[in-house]
N, C-alpha and C. Protein backbone atom coordinates (compact mmCIF):
# COMPACT_ATOMS: atom_id res chain seq x y z
N UNK A 1 28.59 71.66 40.02
CA UNK A 1 28.91 70.40 39.37
C UNK A 1 28.48 70.48 37.90
N UNK A 2 29.34 69.98 37.02
CA UNK A 2 29.01 69.90 35.60
C UNK A 2 28.96 68.44 35.19
N UNK A 3 28.13 68.16 34.23
CA UNK A 3 28.00 66.80 33.71
C UNK A 3 29.32 66.37 33.06
N UNK A 4 29.76 65.17 33.37
CA UNK A 4 31.02 64.68 32.80
C UNK A 4 30.87 64.29 31.34
N UNK A 5 29.64 64.10 30.87
CA UNK A 5 29.40 63.70 29.49
C UNK A 5 29.26 64.91 28.58
N UNK A 6 28.33 65.83 28.93
CA UNK A 6 28.02 66.95 28.03
C UNK A 6 28.47 68.31 28.58
N UNK A 7 28.99 68.33 29.80
CA UNK A 7 29.50 69.55 30.46
C UNK A 7 28.40 70.54 30.85
N UNK A 8 27.15 70.15 30.81
CA UNK A 8 26.05 71.02 31.20
C UNK A 8 26.04 71.19 32.72
N UNK A 9 25.75 72.38 33.20
CA UNK A 9 25.65 72.58 34.64
C UNK A 9 24.23 72.27 35.16
N UNK A 10 23.33 71.89 34.27
CA UNK A 10 21.92 71.69 34.63
C UNK A 10 21.69 70.27 35.15
N UNK A 11 22.09 70.03 36.39
CA UNK A 11 21.94 68.72 37.02
C UNK A 11 20.97 68.86 38.18
N UNK A 12 19.97 67.97 38.21
CA UNK A 12 18.94 68.09 39.24
C UNK A 12 18.66 66.75 39.89
N UNK A 13 18.14 66.80 41.11
CA UNK A 13 17.76 65.61 41.85
C UNK A 13 16.40 65.13 41.34
N UNK A 14 16.32 63.85 40.94
CA UNK A 14 15.08 63.29 40.40
C UNK A 14 14.88 61.89 40.94
N UNK A 15 13.64 61.45 40.93
CA UNK A 15 13.33 60.06 41.23
C UNK A 15 13.24 59.34 39.89
N UNK A 16 14.05 58.31 39.74
CA UNK A 16 14.07 57.51 38.52
C UNK A 16 13.77 56.06 38.87
N UNK A 17 13.34 55.30 37.90
CA UNK A 17 13.11 53.86 38.09
C UNK A 17 14.33 53.11 37.60
N UNK A 18 15.01 52.44 38.52
CA UNK A 18 16.13 51.59 38.16
C UNK A 18 15.63 50.18 37.95
N UNK A 19 16.20 49.47 37.00
CA UNK A 19 15.78 48.10 36.69
C UNK A 19 16.68 47.09 37.38
N UNK A 20 16.05 46.11 38.00
CA UNK A 20 16.77 44.95 38.53
C UNK A 20 16.13 43.73 37.89
N UNK A 21 16.96 42.90 37.28
CA UNK A 21 16.47 41.67 36.66
C UNK A 21 16.55 40.54 37.68
N UNK A 22 15.42 39.87 37.88
CA UNK A 22 15.35 38.69 38.71
C UNK A 22 14.80 37.58 37.81
N UNK A 23 15.67 36.69 37.40
CA UNK A 23 15.34 35.66 36.41
C UNK A 23 14.85 36.35 35.14
N UNK A 24 13.61 36.09 34.72
CA UNK A 24 13.06 36.70 33.50
C UNK A 24 12.24 37.94 33.80
N UNK A 25 12.18 38.34 35.06
CA UNK A 25 11.36 39.49 35.45
C UNK A 25 12.22 40.74 35.63
N UNK A 26 11.63 41.87 35.30
CA UNK A 26 12.28 43.16 35.53
C UNK A 26 11.51 43.85 36.64
N UNK A 27 12.23 44.24 37.70
CA UNK A 27 11.62 44.94 38.82
C UNK A 27 12.11 46.38 38.79
N UNK A 28 11.18 47.32 38.83
CA UNK A 28 11.53 48.74 38.84
C UNK A 28 11.63 49.22 40.27
N UNK A 29 12.77 49.82 40.60
CA UNK A 29 13.04 50.34 41.94
C UNK A 29 13.14 51.85 41.85
N UNK A 30 12.23 52.59 42.52
CA UNK A 30 12.34 54.04 42.50
C UNK A 30 13.55 54.48 43.34
N UNK A 31 14.35 55.37 42.77
CA UNK A 31 15.59 55.78 43.43
C UNK A 31 15.83 57.26 43.14
N UNK A 32 16.22 58.01 44.16
CA UNK A 32 16.49 59.43 43.99
C UNK A 32 17.97 59.62 43.66
N UNK A 33 18.25 60.16 42.46
CA UNK A 33 19.62 60.36 42.00
C UNK A 33 19.73 61.72 41.29
N UNK A 34 20.96 62.15 41.11
CA UNK A 34 21.21 63.36 40.31
C UNK A 34 21.17 62.98 38.83
N UNK A 35 20.49 63.81 38.03
CA UNK A 35 20.34 63.52 36.59
C UNK A 35 20.63 64.80 35.82
N UNK A 36 21.44 64.67 34.76
CA UNK A 36 21.70 65.81 33.88
C UNK A 36 20.45 66.05 33.04
N UNK A 37 19.91 67.27 33.10
CA UNK A 37 18.70 67.61 32.34
C UNK A 37 18.98 67.69 30.84
N UNK A 38 20.24 67.83 30.46
CA UNK A 38 20.59 67.95 29.05
C UNK A 38 20.75 66.59 28.36
N UNK A 39 21.53 65.68 28.96
CA UNK A 39 21.80 64.41 28.28
C UNK A 39 21.27 63.18 29.02
N UNK A 40 20.81 63.35 30.26
CA UNK A 40 20.24 62.23 30.99
C UNK A 40 21.22 61.40 31.80
N UNK A 41 22.48 61.77 31.78
CA UNK A 41 23.48 61.04 32.57
C UNK A 41 23.07 61.04 34.04
N UNK A 42 23.21 59.87 34.70
CA UNK A 42 22.81 59.74 36.10
C UNK A 42 24.05 59.65 36.99
N UNK A 43 23.92 60.22 38.19
CA UNK A 43 24.99 60.21 39.17
C UNK A 43 24.46 59.62 40.47
N UNK A 44 25.11 58.56 40.94
CA UNK A 44 24.64 57.81 42.10
C UNK A 44 25.52 58.09 43.32
N UNK A 45 24.87 58.48 44.40
CA UNK A 45 25.58 58.66 45.65
C UNK A 45 25.84 57.29 46.28
N UNK A 46 26.68 57.25 47.29
CA UNK A 46 26.90 55.99 48.01
C UNK A 46 25.60 55.49 48.61
N UNK A 47 24.80 56.42 49.13
CA UNK A 47 23.52 56.06 49.73
C UNK A 47 22.58 55.43 48.70
N UNK A 48 22.52 56.02 47.51
CA UNK A 48 21.67 55.48 46.45
C UNK A 48 22.12 54.08 46.04
N UNK A 49 23.43 53.89 45.92
CA UNK A 49 23.95 52.57 45.57
C UNK A 49 23.63 51.55 46.66
N UNK A 50 23.76 51.97 47.91
CA UNK A 50 23.43 51.09 49.03
C UNK A 50 21.96 50.68 48.98
N UNK A 51 21.08 51.63 48.71
CA UNK A 51 19.64 51.34 48.62
C UNK A 51 19.34 50.36 47.49
N UNK A 52 20.03 50.54 46.36
CA UNK A 52 19.83 49.65 45.22
C UNK A 52 20.32 48.23 45.54
N UNK A 53 21.48 48.13 46.14
CA UNK A 53 22.01 46.82 46.52
C UNK A 53 21.11 46.14 47.55
N UNK A 54 20.61 46.91 48.50
CA UNK A 54 19.71 46.38 49.52
C UNK A 54 18.40 45.89 48.90
N UNK A 55 17.88 46.65 47.96
CA UNK A 55 16.64 46.26 47.27
C UNK A 55 16.85 44.95 46.51
N UNK A 56 17.99 44.82 45.83
CA UNK A 56 18.27 43.59 45.08
C UNK A 56 18.36 42.40 46.03
N UNK A 57 19.04 42.56 47.14
CA UNK A 57 19.14 41.47 48.12
C UNK A 57 17.76 41.10 48.66
N UNK A 58 16.95 42.10 49.00
CA UNK A 58 15.60 41.84 49.50
C UNK A 58 14.72 41.15 48.45
N UNK A 59 14.91 41.49 47.18
CA UNK A 59 14.17 40.83 46.11
C UNK A 59 14.57 39.36 46.02
N UNK A 60 15.86 39.10 46.06
CA UNK A 60 16.34 37.72 45.96
C UNK A 60 15.89 36.88 47.16
N UNK A 61 15.74 37.52 48.31
CA UNK A 61 15.27 36.82 49.51
C UNK A 61 13.75 36.83 49.63
N UNK A 62 13.08 37.42 48.64
CA UNK A 62 11.62 37.53 48.59
C UNK A 62 11.06 38.27 49.80
N UNK A 63 11.74 39.37 50.17
CA UNK A 63 11.30 40.17 51.32
C UNK A 63 10.66 41.49 50.90
N UNK A 64 10.41 41.67 49.61
CA UNK A 64 9.75 42.89 49.13
C UNK A 64 8.41 42.53 48.52
N UNK A 65 7.43 43.36 48.77
CA UNK A 65 6.10 43.17 48.16
C UNK A 65 6.17 43.75 46.75
N UNK A 66 5.75 42.96 45.79
CA UNK A 66 5.76 43.42 44.40
C UNK A 66 4.34 43.53 43.89
N UNK A 67 4.13 44.49 42.99
CA UNK A 67 2.85 44.62 42.33
C UNK A 67 3.09 44.69 40.83
N UNK A 68 2.17 44.15 40.08
CA UNK A 68 2.30 44.16 38.63
C UNK A 68 2.04 45.58 38.12
N UNK A 69 3.01 46.11 37.39
CA UNK A 69 2.87 47.47 36.84
C UNK A 69 2.34 47.42 35.42
N UNK A 70 2.75 46.43 34.66
CA UNK A 70 2.29 46.26 33.29
C UNK A 70 2.78 44.92 32.79
N UNK A 71 2.50 44.65 31.54
CA UNK A 71 2.98 43.42 30.92
C UNK A 71 3.82 43.78 29.72
N UNK A 72 4.83 42.99 29.48
CA UNK A 72 5.63 43.14 28.28
C UNK A 72 5.40 41.90 27.44
N UNK A 73 5.04 42.11 26.19
CA UNK A 73 4.76 40.99 25.30
C UNK A 73 5.80 40.96 24.19
N UNK A 74 6.14 39.76 23.75
CA UNK A 74 7.10 39.60 22.66
C UNK A 74 6.39 38.96 21.49
N UNK A 75 6.51 39.57 20.32
CA UNK A 75 5.91 39.01 19.10
C UNK A 75 6.88 38.01 18.50
N UNK A 76 6.34 36.93 17.98
CA UNK A 76 7.16 35.99 17.25
C UNK A 76 6.98 36.27 15.77
N UNK A 77 8.00 36.04 15.01
CA UNK A 77 7.91 36.31 13.58
C UNK A 77 7.04 35.25 12.92
N UNK A 78 6.26 35.66 11.96
CA UNK A 78 5.37 34.75 11.26
C UNK A 78 5.38 35.09 9.78
N UNK A 79 4.92 34.15 9.01
CA UNK A 79 4.85 34.36 7.57
C UNK A 79 3.65 35.24 7.25
N UNK A 80 3.82 36.26 6.40
CA UNK A 80 2.68 37.11 6.03
C UNK A 80 1.66 36.32 5.20
N UNK A 81 0.42 36.67 5.38
CA UNK A 81 -0.65 35.99 4.62
C UNK A 81 -0.51 36.33 3.14
N UNK A 82 -0.73 35.35 2.29
CA UNK A 82 -0.70 35.59 0.85
C UNK A 82 -2.11 35.59 0.32
N UNK A 83 -2.35 36.39 -0.70
CA UNK A 83 -3.70 36.43 -1.25
C UNK A 83 -3.77 35.77 -2.60
């Protein structure tokens, strides 16, 4: 198999974190997919897509245990101090 984006034959199976947005929260779902080592293009099997869809449904039904991995903070713009 060659990458459809960069034509590299260097494609390997990796565990990646897929993002699912639930309201204002981002939930990372570990998923095993094929990834091009050259450009990063991801290839999803039917099984991987099924797992992702199932995870999203379980999240919406609050059937998955979640743990806080980190915090994301947003800075608001402010006026610089004048001297």
